[in-house]
Amino acid sequence: MASSTHITLCYPTLNRFDLLHQSVVSACTGSRVPDRISVIDNSAGLFTRDGHRRRLENAVDTIIDVITPAHNIGVAAAWNTFFYTYDDTII
């Protein structure tokens, strides 16, 4: 039976794209694949500009959203952004 719960995994990140990639790929190989991955790119766009987003999108079959603040907003503000942005289950 398919799960009716919508799961979004949220990752605030600052330049540790290798660890982000490893974590997302690992999460997407489990028995319950998340419906959406949300990344706050605290490096002001480096995640997208350097091709890390495309590499991640090619590695998993899950929707990937990237929120890019103009500067590093920090972890606490990143989590607040997730909570205000999504109204579904957040892990």
C-alpha atoms as a PDB file:
ATOM      1  CA  MET A   1       0.000   0.000   0.000  1.00  0.00           C
ATOM      2  CA  ALA A   2       1.370   3.386  -0.967  1.00  0.00           C
ATOM      3  CA  SER A   3       1.958   5.955   1.739  1.00  0.00           C
ATOM      4  CA  SER A   4      -0.345   8.989   1.700  1.00  0.00           C
ATOM      5  CA  THR A   5       2.158  11.066   3.667  1.00  0.00           C
ATOM      6  CA  HIS A   6       4.069  13.632   1.631  1.00  0.00           C
ATOM      7  CA  ILE A   7       7.689  13.804   2.786  1.00  0.00           C
ATOM      8  CA  THR A   8      10.062  16.682   2.133  1.00  0.00           C
ATOM      9  CA  LEU A   9      13.692  16.359   3.227  1.00  0.00           C
ATOM     10  CA  CYS A  10      15.299  19.709   3.986  1.00  0.00           C
ATOM     11  CA  TYR A  11      19.007  20.419   3.843  1.00  0.00           C
ATOM     12  CA  PRO A  12      20.606  23.743   4.754  1.00  0.00           C
ATOM     13  CA  THR A  13      24.087  23.669   3.215  1.00  0.00           C
ATOM     14  CA  LEU A  14      27.174  25.819   2.886  1.00  0.00           C
ATOM     15  CA  ASN A  15      29.762  24.503   0.419  1.00  0.00           C
ATOM     16  CA  ARG A  16      29.661  20.832   1.560  1.00  0.00           C
ATOM     17  CA  PHE A  17      28.039  19.570  -1.613  1.00  0.00           C
ATOM     18  CA  ASP A  18      29.816  16.198  -1.497  1.00  0.00           C
ATOM     19  CA  LEU A  19      28.152  15.414   1.848  1.00  0.00           C
ATOM     20  CA  LEU A  20      24.815  16.764   0.617  1.00  0.00           C
ATOM     21  CA  HIS A  21      24.991  14.525  -2.454  1.00  0.00           C
ATOM     22  CA  GLN A  22      25.869  11.462  -0.355  1.00  0.00           C
ATOM     23  CA  SER A  23      23.040  12.131   2.106  1.00  0.00           C
ATOM     24  CA  VAL A  24      20.392  12.729  -0.578  1.00  0.00           C
ATOM     25  CA  VAL A  25      21.358   9.661  -2.610  1.00  0.00           C
ATOM     26  CA  SER A  26      21.291   7.562   0.562  1.00  0.00           C
ATOM     27  CA  ALA A  27      17.845   8.874   1.559  1.00  0.00           C
ATOM     28  CA  CYS A  28      16.485   8.181  -1.926  1.00  0.00           C
ATOM     29  CA  THR A  29      17.574   4.534  -1.897  1.00  0.00           C
ATOM     30  CA  GLY A  30      15.491   3.655   1.149  1.00  0.00           C
ATOM     31  CA  SER A  31      12.145   1.891   1.178  1.00  0.00           C
ATOM     32  CA  ARG A  32      10.262   5.221   1.410  1.00  0.00           C
ATOM     33  CA  VAL A  33      11.702   7.705  -1.073  1.00  0.00           C
ATOM     34  CA  PRO A  34      10.991  11.350  -0.204  1.00  0.00           C
ATOM     35  CA  ASP A  35       8.612  13.216  -2.498  1.00  0.00           C
ATOM     36  CA  ARG A  36      10.728  16.347  -2.499  1.00  0.00           C
ATOM     37  CA  ILE A  37      14.225  17.466  -1.526  1.00  0.00           C
ATOM     38  CA  SER A  38      14.638  21.082  -0.496  1.00  0.00           C
ATOM     39  CA  VAL A  39      18.075  22.692  -0.262  1.00  0.00           C
ATOM     40  CA  ILE A  40      18.915  26.100   1.155  1.00  0.00           C
ATOM     41  CA  ASP A  41      22.100  27.083  -0.625  1.00  0.00           C
ATOM     42  CA  ASN A  42      23.812  29.390   1.861  1.00  0.00           C
ATOM     43  CA  SER A  43      26.703  29.830  -0.578  1.00  0.00           C
ATOM     44  CA  ALA A  44      24.671  32.416  -2.540  1.00  0.00           C
ATOM     45  CA  GLY A  45      24.165  30.303  -5.648  1.00  0.00           C
ATOM     46  CA  LEU A  46      27.363  28.256  -5.837  1.00  0.00           C
ATOM     47  CA  PHE A  47      25.321  25.018  -5.627  1.00  0.00           C
ATOM     48  CA  THR A  48      23.582  25.785  -8.928  1.00  0.00           C
ATOM     49  CA  ARG A  49      26.402  27.625 -10.717  1.00  0.00           C
ATOM     50  CA  ASP A  50      28.975  24.866 -10.243  1.00  0.00           C
ATOM     51  CA  GLY A  51      26.696  22.116 -11.563  1.00  0.00           C
ATOM     52  CA  HIS A  52      26.081  20.406  -8.214  1.00  0.00           C
ATOM     53  CA  ARG A  53      22.313  20.751  -8.583  1.00  0.00           C
ATOM     54  CA  ARG A  54      22.322  19.105 -12.011  1.00  0.00           C
ATOM     55  CA  ARG A  55      24.532  16.286 -10.691  1.00  0.00           C
ATOM     56  CA  LEU A  56      22.102  15.688  -7.831  1.00  0.00           C
ATOM     57  CA  GLU A  57      19.052  15.817 -10.107  1.00  0.00           C
ATOM     58  CA  ASN A  58      20.694  13.207 -12.343  1.00  0.00           C
ATOM     59  CA  ALA A  59      21.392  10.936  -9.357  1.00  0.00           C
ATOM     60  CA  VAL A  60      17.869  10.748  -7.885  1.00  0.00           C
ATOM     61  CA  ASP A  61      14.311  10.605  -9.186  1.00  0.00           C
ATOM     62  CA  THR A  62      12.884  13.136  -6.743  1.00  0.00           C
ATOM     63  CA  ILE A  63      11.839  16.782  -7.074  1.00  0.00           C
ATOM     64  CA  ILE A  64      14.650  19.088  -5.931  1.00  0.00           C
ATOM     65  CA  ASP A  65      13.925  22.656  -4.869  1.00  0.00           C
ATOM     66  CA  VAL A  66      16.739  25.088  -4.206  1.00  0.00           C
ATOM     67  CA  ILE A  67      16.258  28.250  -2.164  1.00  0.00           C
ATOM     68  CA  THR A  68      19.157  30.664  -2.621  1.00  0.00           C
ATOM     69  CA  PRO A  69      19.422  33.557  -0.167  1.00  0.00           C
ATOM     70  CA  ALA A  70      21.603  36.504  -1.210  1.00  0.00           C
ATOM     71  CA  HIS A  71      24.026  35.663   1.613  1.00  0.00           C
ATOM     72  CA  ASN A  72      24.601  33.038   4.304  1.00  0.00           C
ATOM     73  CA  ILE A  73      21.543  33.277   6.552  1.00  0.00           C
ATOM     74  CA  GLY A  74      22.735  30.575   8.964  1.00  0.00           C
ATOM     75  CA  VAL A  75      21.222  27.285  10.010  1.00  0.00           C
ATOM     76  CA  ALA A  76      18.467  28.602  12.318  1.00  0.00           C
ATOM     77  CA  ALA A  77      17.150  31.027   9.706  1.00  0.00           C
ATOM     78  CA  ALA A  78      17.385  28.284   7.071  1.00  0.00           C
ATOM     79  CA  TRP A  79      15.173  25.985   9.157  1.00  0.00           C
ATOM     80  CA  ASN A  80      12.700  28.821   9.714  1.00  0.00           C
ATOM     81  CA  THR A  81      12.616  29.325   5.941  1.00  0.00           C
ATOM     82  CA  PHE A  82      11.777  25.647   5.457  1.00  0.00           C
ATOM     83  CA  PHE A  83       8.965  25.814   8.004  1.00  0.00           C
ATOM     84  CA  TYR A  84       7.451  28.923   6.410  1.00  0.00           C
ATOM     85  CA  THR A  85       7.843  27.592   2.860  1.00  0.00           C
ATOM     86  CA  TYR A  86       6.338  24.104   3.195  1.00  0.00           C
ATOM     87  CA  ASP A  87       3.057  23.082   4.747  1.00  0.00           C
ATOM     88  CA  ASP A  88       3.626  19.332   4.515  1.00  0.00           C
ATOM     89  CA  THR A  89       5.679  16.901   6.559  1.00  0.00           C
ATOM     90  CA  ILE A  90       9.237  18.132   7.040  1.00  0.00           C
ATOM     91  CA  ILE A  91      12.104  15.935   8.173  1.00  0.00           C
END
